[in-house]
Amino acid sequence: MIRLGTRRSALALAQAQWVAERLEDDVELVPIRTAGDERRGPAPVTSDKARFVKELEEALLAGQIDLAVHSAKDVPAELPTGLIILAVPERADARDALCGAPDLDALAEGAIVGTASLRRRAELLALRPDLEVRDLRGNVDTRLRRLAEGNFDAIVLAQAGLDRLGRGDEGSPLDPAGFVPAPGQGCLLLEARDADETAFAATQLTDHAATTALYIERTIVRRLGATCHTPIGVHARQEDEHSASVTAFVGMPDGSHWIRDELSGEDRVLGLHVAERLLAAGAAELLAAAELAATPR
């Protein structure tokens, strides 16, 4: 029996059920409430992403669960001592989706767009500085309901989340070459204790292309020292057995300054190469300014 830890949200439970159905061992789902789930009401757009994984990692280290399933984009670049990434299953759709309009060009000047993501805010304003981007929080159903109630002209969500909840037709996917997804978006990450064989069967879910792409994306994030306060998008795609391509974006939350890069090459070193190119173009200074602008005072 594998005790599989998950957040309590509808999306997290759907993801955990997807994993459980593909494991050969018997699985017990263990829903765990995280700090992110406890948040109520308006919140700053700069809150710590680790709030979605901390309690699950503590449960792993305490032996209360054997395996944790996360949305990979929620997992910080550095894992706690004693924990490892055990598997990365096949990636779902990595793209962002615009709900409420077929594409960004269809939005009227000054349209109100909702998102809780600094990266999405930065990319929206970089492409359409006339838009009014407002904070929007809550689960997927809550956000779609607020759109339907007329609080926003459009909202941006992850296409993978919509698909997993059976609402995929409510979003219009945005081209990742122009609207770069978050690092790890569309990926699930299975985390376990190092050297603990209890959940070893989960390695059967490993997908080489998804693992390679996630490794490249997390390498760039780690090298840049990016945090939840720094708007960064990275999308890697494996081209063949040993090569991949990457699109990356870093920018200010207000869309006033940004850097984009695209590169293809050997997958083992591509992440570092892209990170160094971004740093040479001024990414460190831009991200430092973005963090300063986003951090509450």
Protein backbone atom coordinates (compact mmCIF):
# COMPACT_ATOMS: atom_id res chain seq x y z
CA MET A 1 0.00 0.00 0.00
CA ILE A 2 1.34 3.41 -1.02
CA ARG A 3 0.09 6.39 0.96
CA LEU A 4 -0.18 9.18 -1.63
CA GLY A 5 -0.28 12.69 -0.22
CA THR A 6 -2.08 15.46 -2.04
CA ARG A 7 -3.54 18.90 -1.46
CA ARG A 8 -7.29 19.05 -0.86
CA SER A 9 -8.32 21.18 -3.84
CA ALA A 10 -10.47 19.66 -6.57
CA LEU A 11 -7.65 19.98 -9.08
CA ALA A 12 -5.05 18.44 -6.75
CA LEU A 13 -7.37 15.52 -5.96
CA ALA A 14 -8.00 14.96 -9.68
CA GLN A 15 -4.24 14.90 -10.29
CA ALA A 16 -3.67 12.48 -7.41
CA GLN A 17 -6.44 10.19 -8.66
CA TRP A 18 -4.81 10.22 -12.11
CA VAL A 19 -1.55 9.03 -10.53
CA ALA A 20 -3.27 6.44 -8.32
CA GLU A 21 -5.05 4.86 -11.29
CA ARG A 22 -1.72 4.31 -13.04
CA LEU A 23 0.17 2.72 -10.15
CA GLU A 24 0.25 -1.06 -9.94
CA ASP A 25 0.28 -1.03 -6.12
CA ASP A 26 -2.74 -0.35 -3.94
CA VAL A 27 -2.95 3.36 -3.16
CA GLU A 28 -4.49 5.29 -0.27
CA LEU A 29 -5.09 8.97 -1.00
CA VAL A 30 -4.13 11.17 1.96
CA PRO A 31 -5.49 14.73 1.52
CA ILE A 32 -3.43 17.29 3.43
CA ARG A 33 -4.37 20.91 3.95
CA THR A 34 -1.55 23.29 3.07
CA ALA A 35 -0.92 26.91 3.93
CA GLY A 36 -2.00 27.80 0.40
CA ASP A 37 -5.35 26.08 0.96
CA GLU A 38 -5.88 27.98 4.21
CA ARG A 39 -5.60 31.39 2.53
CA ARG A 40 -8.87 33.29 2.42
CA GLY A 41 -9.80 36.56 0.79
CA PRO A 42 -7.53 38.99 -1.06
CA ALA A 43 -3.83 38.24 -0.94
CA PRO A 44 -0.73 39.89 -2.32
CA VAL A 45 0.53 38.54 -5.63
CA THR A 46 3.91 37.93 -4.00
CA SER A 47 3.04 35.06 -1.63
CA ASP A 48 5.56 32.21 -1.28
CA LYS A 49 4.98 29.32 -3.71
CA ALA A 50 6.28 26.81 -1.10
CA ARG A 51 2.99 27.29 0.76
CA PHE A 52 1.51 24.69 -1.62
CA VAL A 53 4.07 21.96 -0.86
CA LYS A 54 5.54 22.56 2.62
CA GLU A 55 3.03 20.49 4.59
CA LEU A 56 3.23 17.63 2.11
CA GLU A 57 7.02 17.59 2.39
CA GLU A 58 6.79 17.65 6.19
CA ALA A 59 4.41 14.67 6.05
CA LEU A 60 6.91 12.81 3.83
CA LEU A 61 9.80 13.48 6.18
CA ALA A 62 7.68 12.42 9.17
CA GLY A 63 6.75 9.13 7.47
CA GLN A 64 3.04 9.97 7.42
CA ILE A 65 2.88 9.48 3.63
CA ASP A 66 5.09 7.58 1.19
CA LEU A 67 4.67 9.71 -1.92
CA ALA A 68 3.52 13.26 -2.63
CA VAL A 69 2.07 14.51 -5.90
CA HIS A 70 2.57 18.17 -6.78
CA SER A 71 2.00 20.50 -9.68
CA ALA A 72 5.64 20.86 -10.68
CA LYS A 73 5.36 24.63 -11.08
CA ASP A 74 4.60 24.89 -7.32
CA VAL A 75 7.79 23.11 -6.24
CA PRO A 76 10.80 25.35 -5.39
CA ALA A 77 14.05 24.74 -7.24
CA GLU A 78 15.71 23.30 -4.11
CA LEU A 79 14.16 20.33 -2.29
CA PRO A 80 14.50 19.75 1.46
CA THR A 81 17.33 17.43 2.52
CA GLY A 82 16.15 13.83 2.46
CA LEU A 83 13.62 14.23 -0.36
CA ILE A 84 13.98 13.46 -4.07
CA ILE A 85 12.02 13.77 -7.28
CA LEU A 86 11.02 10.15 -7.84
CA ALA A 87 9.17 10.52 -11.13
CA VAL A 88 7.76 13.00 -13.62
CA PRO A 89 4.82 11.50 -15.56
CA GLU A 90 3.84 12.38 -19.10
CA ARG A 91 3.30 16.11 -19.41
CA ALA A 92 -0.16 17.52 -19.95
CA ASP A 93 -0.75 20.68 -22.00
CA ALA A 94 1.84 23.23 -20.82
CA ARG A 95 0.12 26.25 -22.33
CA ASP A 96 -1.74 29.07 -20.61
CA ALA A 97 -5.34 29.53 -21.66
CA LEU A 98 -7.36 32.71 -22.10
CA CYS A 99 -10.93 32.34 -20.88
CA GLY A 100 -13.52 34.85 -22.05
CA ALA A 101 -11.99 35.68 -25.44
CA PRO A 102 -10.52 33.68 -28.35
CA ASP A 103 -7.17 35.46 -28.12
CA LEU A 104 -5.51 38.57 -26.70
CA ASP A 105 -6.07 40.53 -29.90
CA ALA A 106 -9.82 40.09 -29.48
CA LEU A 107 -9.83 42.00 -26.18
CA ALA A 108 -10.95 45.63 -26.34
CA GLU A 109 -8.58 48.39 -25.33
CA GLY A 110 -8.52 48.67 -21.54
CA ALA A 111 -10.12 45.25 -21.02
CA ILE A 112 -9.98 43.87 -17.48
CA VAL A 113 -8.04 40.60 -17.23
CA GLY A 114 -7.75 38.54 -14.05
CA THR A 115 -4.75 36.55 -12.81
CA ALA A 116 -2.92 35.88 -9.56
CA SER A 117 0.37 35.20 -11.35
CA LEU A 118 3.16 37.77 -11.54
CA ARG A 119 4.46 36.07 -14.68
CA ARG A 120 1.09 36.19 -16.43
CA ARG A 121 0.71 39.83 -15.38
CA ALA A 122 4.13 40.69 -16.80
CA GLU A 123 3.51 38.86 -20.07
CA LEU A 124 0.03 40.31 -20.52
CA LEU A 125 1.30 43.85 -20.05
CA ALA A 126 4.36 43.25 -22.20
CA LEU A 127 2.07 42.22 -25.07
CA ARG A 128 -0.87 44.53 -24.30
CA PRO A 129 0.16 47.48 -22.07
CA ASP A 130 -3.35 48.93 -22.41
CA LEU A 131 -4.95 46.07 -20.45
CA GLU A 132 -6.07 46.47 -16.84
CA VAL A 133 -4.74 43.41 -15.03
CA ARG A 134 -6.46 42.72 -11.71
CA ASP A 135 -5.71 40.18 -9.00
CA LEU A 136 -7.86 37.05 -9.15
CA ARG A 137 -7.56 34.21 -6.65
CA GLY A 138 -9.42 31.06 -5.74
CA ASN A 139 -9.73 27.63 -7.30
CA VAL A 140 -10.50 27.12 -10.98
CA ASP A 141 -14.27 26.97 -10.46
CA THR A 142 -14.22 30.16 -8.39
CA ARG A 143 -12.23 32.03 -11.02
CA LEU A 144 -14.47 30.90 -13.86
CA ARG A 145 -17.55 31.86 -11.85
CA ARG A 146 -16.19 35.37 -11.29
CA LEU A 147 -15.60 35.65 -15.03
CA ALA A 148 -19.16 34.51 -15.74
CA GLU A 149 -20.48 37.05 -13.22
CA GLY A 150 -18.89 39.86 -15.26
CA ASN A 151 -16.11 40.83 -12.87
CA PHE A 152 -13.56 40.41 -15.66
CA ASP A 153 -13.51 40.55 -19.44
CA ALA A 154 -11.12 37.61 -19.51
CA ILE A 155 -8.95 35.54 -17.18
CA VAL A 156 -5.82 33.43 -17.69
CA LEU A 157 -5.58 29.88 -16.36
CA ALA A 158 -3.45 26.80 -17.07
CA GLN A 159 -4.91 24.70 -19.87
CA ALA A 160 -3.79 21.53 -18.06
CA GLY A 161 -5.89 22.43 -15.01
CA LEU A 162 -8.95 23.08 -17.15
CA ASP A 163 -8.44 19.77 -18.95
CA ARG A 164 -8.04 17.77 -15.73
CA LEU A 165 -11.30 19.20 -14.40
CA GLY A 166 -13.18 18.47 -17.62
CA ARG A 167 -13.47 22.16 -18.53
CA GLY A 168 -10.84 22.31 -21.25
CA ASP A 169 -13.22 23.74 -23.85
CA GLU A 170 -13.64 26.90 -21.75
CA GLY A 171 -10.13 28.13 -22.53
CA SER A 172 -8.34 29.24 -25.68
CA PRO A 173 -4.69 28.09 -25.47
CA LEU A 174 -2.06 30.79 -25.95
CA ASP A 175 0.94 30.10 -28.19
CA PRO A 176 3.85 29.26 -25.82
CA ALA A 177 6.30 30.91 -28.23
CA GLY A 178 4.65 34.26 -27.52
CA PHE A 179 3.16 33.71 -24.06
CA VAL A 180 5.75 31.58 -22.27
CA PRO A 181 4.35 29.16 -19.65
CA ALA A 182 5.62 28.86 -16.10
CA PRO A 183 8.52 26.46 -15.51
CA GLY A 184 6.98 23.04 -14.91
CA GLN A 185 3.48 24.01 -16.03
CA GLY A 186 1.52 20.94 -17.12
CA CYS A 187 3.91 18.59 -15.29
CA LEU A 188 3.20 16.53 -12.21
CA LEU A 189 6.09 15.86 -9.86
CA LEU A 190 6.17 12.81 -7.59
CA GLU A 191 8.30 13.39 -4.50
CA ALA A 192 9.48 10.74 -2.05
CA ARG A 193 12.03 10.12 0.68
CA ASP A 194 15.56 9.45 -0.51
CA ALA A 195 16.55 5.75 -0.34
CA ASP A 196 13.02 4.72 0.72
CA GLU A 197 11.78 1.92 -1.56
CA THR A 198 8.16 2.07 -0.35
CA ALA A 199 7.01 4.20 -3.29
CA PHE A 200 9.57 2.92 -5.79
CA ALA A 201 6.80 1.54 -8.03
CA ALA A 202 5.98 5.14 -8.97
CA THR A 203 9.13 5.27 -11.11
CA GLN A 204 7.14 3.32 -13.72
CA LEU A 205 5.29 6.58 -14.46
CA THR A 206 8.48 8.36 -15.51
CA ASP A 207 8.25 9.98 -18.94
CA HIS A 208 11.63 10.78 -20.52
CA ALA A 209 10.49 13.81 -22.53
CA ALA A 210 8.69 15.40 -19.56
CA THR A 211 11.58 14.67 -17.21
CA THR A 212 14.07 16.22 -19.63
CA ALA A 213 11.96 19.33 -20.17
CA LEU A 214 11.39 19.81 -16.45
CA TYR A 215 15.10 19.36 -15.71
CA ILE A 216 15.97 22.09 -18.22
CA GLU A 217 13.32 24.46 -16.89
CA ARG A 218 14.29 23.96 -13.25
CA THR A 219 17.98 24.37 -14.13
CA ILE A 220 17.27 27.82 -15.57
CA VAL A 221 15.20 28.85 -12.55
CA ARG A 222 17.91 27.66 -10.17
CA ARG A 223 20.74 29.37 -12.05
CA LEU A 224 18.85 32.67 -12.21
CA GLY A 225 17.95 32.47 -8.52
CA ALA A 226 14.32 33.11 -9.44
CA THR A 227 11.66 33.13 -6.75
CA CYS A 228 7.89 33.51 -6.62
CA HIS A 229 8.54 37.28 -6.61
CA THR A 230 10.24 37.20 -10.02
CA PRO A 231 8.19 36.89 -13.21
CA ILE A 232 9.79 34.12 -15.25
CA GLY A 233 8.49 31.82 -17.96
CA VAL A 234 10.41 28.85 -19.34
CA HIS A 235 9.14 26.28 -21.81
CA ALA A 236 11.39 23.39 -22.91
CA ARG A 237 10.52 20.80 -25.53
CA GLN A 238 12.52 17.70 -26.37
CA GLU A 239 13.32 17.60 -30.09
CA ASP A 240 14.95 14.17 -30.31
CA GLU A 241 16.81 11.73 -28.07
CA HIS A 242 19.54 14.15 -27.00
CA SER A 243 18.42 17.65 -28.00
CA ALA A 244 15.77 20.12 -26.94
CA SER A 245 14.61 23.67 -27.52
CA VAL A 246 13.78 26.36 -24.97
CA THR A 247 11.85 29.61 -24.92
CA ALA A 248 12.41 31.82 -21.86
CA PHE A 249 10.98 35.12 -20.57
CA VAL A 250 11.88 37.33 -17.62
CA GLY A 251 10.30 40.70 -17.02
CA MET A 252 8.98 43.38 -14.73
CA PRO A 253 5.50 42.85 -13.25
CA ASP A 254 4.25 45.97 -15.05
CA GLY A 255 5.50 44.73 -18.43
CA SER A 256 7.74 47.76 -18.89
CA HIS A 257 10.98 45.82 -19.34
CA TRP A 258 11.53 42.21 -20.35
CA ILE A 259 13.97 39.77 -21.95
CA ARG A 260 13.13 36.80 -24.16
CA ASP A 261 15.41 34.10 -25.52
CA GLU A 262 15.09 31.00 -27.68
CA LEU A 263 17.74 28.32 -28.11
CA SER A 264 18.10 24.70 -29.20
CA GLY A 265 20.90 22.32 -28.27
CA GLU A 266 22.07 19.33 -26.28
CA ASP A 267 19.53 18.75 -23.52
CA ARG A 268 22.08 18.08 -20.74
CA VAL A 269 23.60 21.55 -20.97
CA LEU A 270 20.86 23.58 -22.64
CA GLY A 271 19.40 24.93 -19.40
CA LEU A 272 22.73 26.37 -18.25
CA HIS A 273 23.42 27.83 -21.68
CA VAL A 274 20.06 29.64 -21.76
CA ALA A 275 20.51 30.88 -18.20
CA GLU A 276 23.96 32.28 -19.00
CA ARG A 277 22.61 34.02 -22.11
CA LEU A 278 19.82 35.57 -20.06
CA LEU A 279 22.29 36.72 -17.41
CA ALA A 280 24.52 38.24 -20.08
CA ALA A 281 21.49 40.15 -21.37
CA GLY A 282 20.81 41.63 -17.92
CA ALA A 283 18.38 39.12 -16.41
CA ALA A 284 19.91 39.29 -12.92
CA GLU A 285 19.41 43.05 -12.71
CA LEU A 286 15.92 42.79 -14.18
CA LEU A 287 14.86 40.06 -11.76
CA ALA A 288 16.31 41.97 -8.82
CA ALA A 289 14.28 45.02 -9.83
CA ALA A 290 11.20 42.85 -10.31
CA GLU A 291 11.61 41.31 -6.85
CA LEU A 292 12.01 44.76 -5.30
CA ALA A 293 8.89 45.99 -7.08
CA ALA A 294 6.84 42.96 -6.05
CA THR A 295 7.93 42.58 -2.42
CA PRO A 296 5.51 44.17 0.09
CA ARG A 297 6.91 47.03 2.14
